[in-house]
Amino acid sequence: MEEQIRQLKEMIDCSTKIVFFGGAGVSTESGIPDFRSKDGLYNQHDIQFDQYRPEYLLSHSCLVDKPEVYFEFHRQKMDTRNIKPNRAHEYLAKLEQKGKLIGVVTQNIDGLHQKAGSKKVFEIHGSALRNYCMNCGKKYDRDYIFDSKEAIPTCSCGGCIRPDITLYEEGLPEDQVQGALKALSEADMLIIGGTSLTVYPAASFINYFRGERLAVINESEIGIKAAENTLIIKRKIGEVFDALDQMG
């Protein structure tokens, strides 16, 4: 891996407008399970939820048709308030501070990039740390749903309070998408990490990248055919970024 790390460092050193596109694998080293691996959220067995498909538990249909089930699942599986950023989040924040990184495009909803200090973060699947009323739009703090004693958290107007995340059957947040696509189109280097690029439409965003330097850091195969000159490193992203950080 040493030679690949050297190549990656050279690419970063030559770049001034880097964008990072990341998925669940970025947060697994913080203790947050991904979705599709053998230990991922979709493969965890819980007698309380086993009768439902994992995708259903994270869908708009579940929120509307079975809100008690939806909110119980959300409280048990989506609470990342006490999770700390890892080496990957911290390295990306440093890259931004150096003026090299122009944006992080994340599919994660845990807010760990911001906790690490990143400012230019495009959360294309929203955040579990924000909540709002589906009726009047009133905003609620990150603790409201997790700490509420109500099975279905209710606003003063009578509406249902939901997390500001993109569920199955819902469209992506337009402002975050536009910001992400603009950053990708302006980037001279793209680093893809911790994602197999199998979730659409998010995976299609990388088609907006027109730069010359592309690196992929992921333990498993990715769902697209990489260009011939793409640097591919099949290791944990935190391990790779830690090695880069030690090189200075």
Protein backbone atom coordinates (compact mmCIF):
# COMPACT_ATOMS: atom_id res chain seq x y z
CA MET A 1 0.00 0.00 0.00
CA GLU A 2 2.97 2.33 0.55
CA GLU A 3 3.39 3.04 -3.16
CA GLN A 4 -0.32 3.77 -3.54
CA ILE A 5 -0.20 6.18 -0.60
CA ARG A 6 2.72 7.97 -2.22
CA GLN A 7 0.77 8.26 -5.46
CA LEU A 8 -2.28 9.58 -3.63
CA LYS A 9 -0.19 12.18 -1.81
CA GLU A 10 1.32 13.35 -5.10
CA MET A 11 -2.18 13.72 -6.56
CA ILE A 12 -3.34 15.74 -3.55
CA ASP A 13 -0.22 17.92 -3.60
CA CYS A 14 -0.86 18.76 -7.27
CA SER A 15 -4.52 19.65 -6.68
CA THR A 16 -6.14 22.85 -5.44
CA LYS A 17 -9.85 22.03 -5.79
CA ILE A 18 -10.44 18.61 -4.25
CA VAL A 19 -13.90 17.16 -3.65
CA PHE A 20 -14.50 14.13 -1.45
CA PHE A 21 -17.52 11.92 -2.19
CA GLY A 22 -18.20 9.52 0.68
CA GLY A 23 -20.59 6.88 1.93
CA ALA A 24 -21.27 4.67 4.93
CA GLY A 25 -17.74 3.23 4.98
CA VAL A 26 -16.43 6.60 6.13
CA SER A 27 -18.31 6.29 9.42
CA THR A 28 -17.92 2.57 10.17
CA GLU A 29 -14.61 3.21 11.94
CA SER A 30 -16.53 5.46 14.34
CA GLY A 31 -18.74 2.49 15.21
CA ILE A 32 -21.70 3.30 12.97
CA PRO A 33 -22.73 0.20 10.97
CA ASP A 34 -23.09 0.48 7.22
CA PHE A 35 -26.14 -0.90 5.45
CA ARG A 36 -25.30 -3.84 3.20
CA SER A 37 -22.26 -5.61 4.66
CA LYS A 38 -22.67 -8.82 6.68
CA ASP A 39 -22.71 -6.79 9.90
CA GLY A 40 -24.63 -3.90 8.37
CA LEU A 41 -27.97 -2.45 9.37
CA TYR A 42 -29.86 -4.45 6.75
CA ASN A 43 -28.51 -7.73 8.14
CA GLN A 44 -29.06 -7.08 11.83
CA HIS A 45 -31.78 -9.29 13.29
CA ASP A 46 -34.16 -7.72 15.78
CA ILE A 47 -37.38 -9.54 16.60
CA GLN A 48 -39.12 -6.18 16.90
CA PHE A 49 -38.40 -5.30 13.25
CA ASP A 50 -37.74 -8.62 11.49
CA GLN A 51 -41.22 -8.69 9.97
CA TYR A 52 -40.37 -5.60 7.88
CA ARG A 53 -37.95 -5.17 5.00
CA PRO A 54 -35.07 -2.86 5.99
CA GLU A 55 -35.87 -0.55 3.09
CA TYR A 56 -39.44 -0.22 4.34
CA LEU A 57 -38.29 0.85 7.80
CA LEU A 58 -36.41 3.71 6.14
CA SER A 59 -39.22 4.69 3.78
CA HIS A 60 -41.76 7.49 3.53
CA SER A 61 -44.47 4.80 3.48
CA CYS A 62 -43.41 3.54 6.90
CA LEU A 63 -43.28 7.07 8.31
CA VAL A 64 -46.84 7.74 7.11
CA ASP A 65 -48.49 4.32 7.47
CA LYS A 66 -46.74 2.94 10.56
CA PRO A 67 -45.25 5.96 12.35
CA GLU A 68 -44.88 4.15 15.69
CA VAL A 69 -42.68 1.53 14.01
CA TYR A 70 -40.74 4.14 12.06
CA PHE A 71 -39.90 6.28 15.10
CA GLU A 72 -38.97 3.30 17.27
CA PHE A 73 -36.57 2.12 14.57
CA HIS A 74 -35.18 5.64 14.16
CA ARG A 75 -34.55 6.04 17.89
CA GLN A 76 -32.85 2.67 18.19
CA LYS A 77 -30.73 2.71 15.03
CA MET A 78 -30.12 6.33 13.99
CA ASP A 79 -28.90 8.02 17.16
CA THR A 80 -25.37 9.21 16.42
CA ARG A 81 -25.26 12.12 18.87
CA ASN A 82 -22.50 10.62 21.01
CA ILE A 83 -20.45 9.19 18.15
CA LYS A 84 -17.06 10.80 17.54
CA PRO A 85 -15.41 11.53 14.18
CA ASN A 86 -12.58 9.24 13.10
CA ARG A 87 -9.30 9.67 11.24
CA ALA A 88 -11.01 10.06 7.87
CA HIS A 89 -13.26 12.91 9.01
CA GLU A 90 -10.34 14.65 10.73
CA TYR A 91 -8.02 14.41 7.72
CA LEU A 92 -10.65 15.87 5.39
CA ALA A 93 -11.21 18.76 7.79
CA LYS A 94 -7.47 19.44 7.70
CA LEU A 95 -7.48 19.42 3.90
CA GLU A 96 -10.21 22.04 3.93
CA GLN A 97 -8.30 24.16 6.44
CA LYS A 98 -5.29 24.05 4.11
CA GLY A 99 -7.46 25.44 1.32
CA LYS A 100 -7.24 22.30 -0.83
CA LEU A 101 -10.69 20.78 -0.28
CA ILE A 102 -13.64 22.68 -1.74
CA GLY A 103 -16.37 20.29 -0.60
CA VAL A 104 -17.41 17.05 1.04
CA VAL A 105 -20.37 15.31 -0.60
CA THR A 106 -21.71 12.79 1.88
CA GLN A 107 -24.44 10.18 1.73
CA ASN A 108 -24.27 9.86 5.53
CA ILE A 109 -26.74 11.45 7.95
CA ASP A 110 -24.56 11.42 11.07
CA GLY A 111 -23.04 14.92 10.98
CA LEU A 112 -19.55 13.62 11.73
CA HIS A 113 -17.83 15.69 9.06
CA GLN A 114 -19.09 18.86 10.73
CA LYS A 115 -18.10 17.54 14.17
CA ALA A 116 -14.56 17.11 12.84
CA GLY A 117 -14.50 20.71 11.65
CA SER A 118 -15.50 20.54 7.99
CA LYS A 119 -17.56 23.54 6.86
CA LYS A 120 -18.29 22.83 3.20
CA VAL A 121 -20.42 19.71 3.55
CA PHE A 122 -23.24 18.74 1.20
CA GLU A 123 -25.55 16.26 2.96
CA ILE A 124 -27.41 14.80 0.00
CA HIS A 125 -29.38 12.40 2.21
CA GLY A 126 -30.04 14.97 4.94
CA SER A 127 -29.17 14.73 8.64
CA ALA A 128 -30.54 12.86 11.65
CA LEU A 129 -29.42 15.83 13.76
CA ARG A 130 -32.14 18.12 12.39
CA ASN A 131 -35.90 17.80 12.83
CA TYR A 132 -38.93 19.68 11.58
CA CYS A 133 -42.74 19.59 11.64
CA MET A 134 -44.29 18.04 8.55
CA ASN A 135 -47.27 20.39 8.90
CA CYS A 136 -45.98 23.89 9.72
CA GLY A 137 -42.26 23.45 9.07
CA LYS A 138 -41.17 24.51 12.56
CA LYS A 139 -37.61 23.36 13.29
CA TYR A 140 -36.65 21.29 16.32
CA ASP A 141 -33.22 20.57 17.80
CA ARG A 142 -31.30 17.34 17.32
CA ASP A 143 -32.45 15.86 20.65
CA TYR A 144 -36.17 16.34 20.25
CA ILE A 145 -37.18 13.07 18.58
CA PHE A 146 -34.67 10.92 20.46
CA ASP A 147 -35.64 12.31 23.86
CA SER A 148 -39.39 12.67 23.27
CA LYS A 149 -41.62 10.49 25.44
CA GLU A 150 -44.26 10.46 22.72
CA ALA A 151 -44.29 7.42 20.42
CA ILE A 152 -45.00 9.85 17.57
CA PRO A 153 -43.39 13.25 18.30
CA THR A 154 -45.96 15.99 17.79
CA CYS A 155 -45.59 19.70 17.13
CA SER A 156 -47.62 22.37 18.97
CA CYS A 157 -49.65 22.74 15.74
CA GLY A 158 -50.56 19.05 15.87
CA GLY A 159 -48.28 17.99 13.02
CA CYS A 160 -45.79 15.14 13.10
CA ILE A 161 -42.16 16.05 13.81
CA ARG A 162 -39.78 14.11 11.58
CA PRO A 163 -36.02 13.94 11.05
CA ASP A 164 -34.60 15.95 8.15
CA ILE A 165 -33.35 12.88 6.29
CA THR A 166 -34.14 11.60 2.82
CA LEU A 167 -36.19 8.44 3.08
CA TYR A 168 -36.88 5.90 0.35
CA GLU A 169 -39.57 7.27 -2.00
CA GLU A 170 -38.48 10.87 -1.33
CA GLY A 171 -36.51 13.27 -3.49
CA LEU A 172 -33.07 14.53 -2.50
CA PRO A 173 -32.77 18.05 -1.01
CA GLU A 174 -32.39 20.39 -3.96
CA ASP A 175 -30.05 22.89 -2.32
CA GLN A 176 -27.65 20.17 -1.22
CA VAL A 177 -27.74 18.49 -4.62
CA GLN A 178 -27.03 21.72 -6.50
CA GLY A 179 -24.16 22.59 -4.17
CA ALA A 180 -22.68 19.12 -4.57
CA LEU A 181 -22.94 19.14 -8.36
CA LYS A 182 -21.36 22.60 -8.58
CA ALA A 183 -18.43 21.51 -6.43
CA LEU A 184 -17.95 18.31 -8.44
CA SER A 185 -18.02 20.19 -11.74
CA GLU A 186 -15.34 22.61 -10.50
CA ALA A 187 -13.04 20.03 -8.91
CA ASP A 188 -9.60 19.19 -10.28
CA MET A 189 -9.46 16.04 -8.11
CA LEU A 190 -12.15 13.69 -6.83
CA ILE A 191 -11.62 11.25 -3.98
CA ILE A 192 -14.35 8.63 -3.62
CA GLY A 193 -14.27 6.82 -0.30
CA GLY A 194 -16.28 4.39 1.79
CA THR A 195 -18.95 3.78 -0.83
CA SER A 196 -19.60 1.05 -3.38
CA LEU A 197 -21.49 3.53 -5.58
CA THR A 198 -24.61 1.38 -5.77
CA VAL A 199 -27.15 3.86 -4.36
CA TYR A 200 -28.82 6.02 -7.00
CA PRO A 201 -29.28 8.81 -7.84
CA ALA A 202 -26.38 9.79 -5.56
CA ALA A 203 -23.88 7.51 -7.34
CA SER A 204 -24.56 9.26 -10.64
CA PHE A 205 -23.29 12.56 -9.22
CA ILE A 206 -19.68 11.66 -9.95
CA ASN A 207 -20.46 11.98 -13.67
CA TYR A 208 -20.27 15.74 -13.12
CA PHE A 209 -16.57 15.50 -12.32
CA ARG A 210 -14.42 16.72 -15.20
CA GLY A 211 -11.02 16.85 -13.51
CA GLU A 212 -7.94 14.77 -14.28
CA ARG A 213 -7.21 13.09 -10.94
CA LEU A 214 -9.55 10.42 -9.54
CA ALA A 215 -8.88 8.19 -6.54
CA VAL A 216 -11.12 5.50 -5.06
CA ILE A 217 -10.62 4.21 -1.52
CA ASN A 218 -12.95 1.35 -0.63
CA GLU A 219 -12.48 -2.13 0.82
CA SER A 220 -14.86 -3.75 -1.69
CA GLU A 221 -15.43 -3.39 -5.42
CA ILE A 222 -17.26 -0.30 -6.60
CA GLY A 223 -20.38 -0.35 -8.76
CA ILE A 224 -18.93 1.55 -11.71
CA LYS A 225 -16.21 0.89 -14.24
CA ALA A 226 -13.26 3.06 -13.27
CA ALA A 227 -11.15 4.85 -15.86
CA GLU A 228 -7.78 3.31 -16.68
CA ASN A 229 -5.78 5.96 -14.85
CA THR A 230 -7.91 5.84 -11.66
CA LEU A 231 -5.98 5.15 -8.46
CA ILE A 232 -7.82 2.40 -6.58
CA ILE A 233 -6.87 1.56 -2.99
CA LYS A 234 -8.74 -1.37 -1.39
CA ARG A 235 -8.20 -0.49 2.27
CA LYS A 236 -10.08 1.15 5.11
CA ILE A 237 -10.31 4.84 4.43
CA GLY A 238 -9.26 5.86 7.94
CA GLU A 239 -6.11 3.77 7.60
CA VAL A 240 -5.26 5.41 4.28
CA PHE A 241 -5.88 8.95 5.49
CA ASP A 242 -3.92 8.30 8.69
CA ALA A 243 -0.92 7.24 6.60
CA LEU A 244 -1.30 10.38 4.49
CA ASP A 245 -1.49 12.55 7.60
CA GLN A 246 1.72 11.07 8.98
CA MET A 247 3.49 11.96 5.74
CA GLY A 248 2.65 15.63 6.34
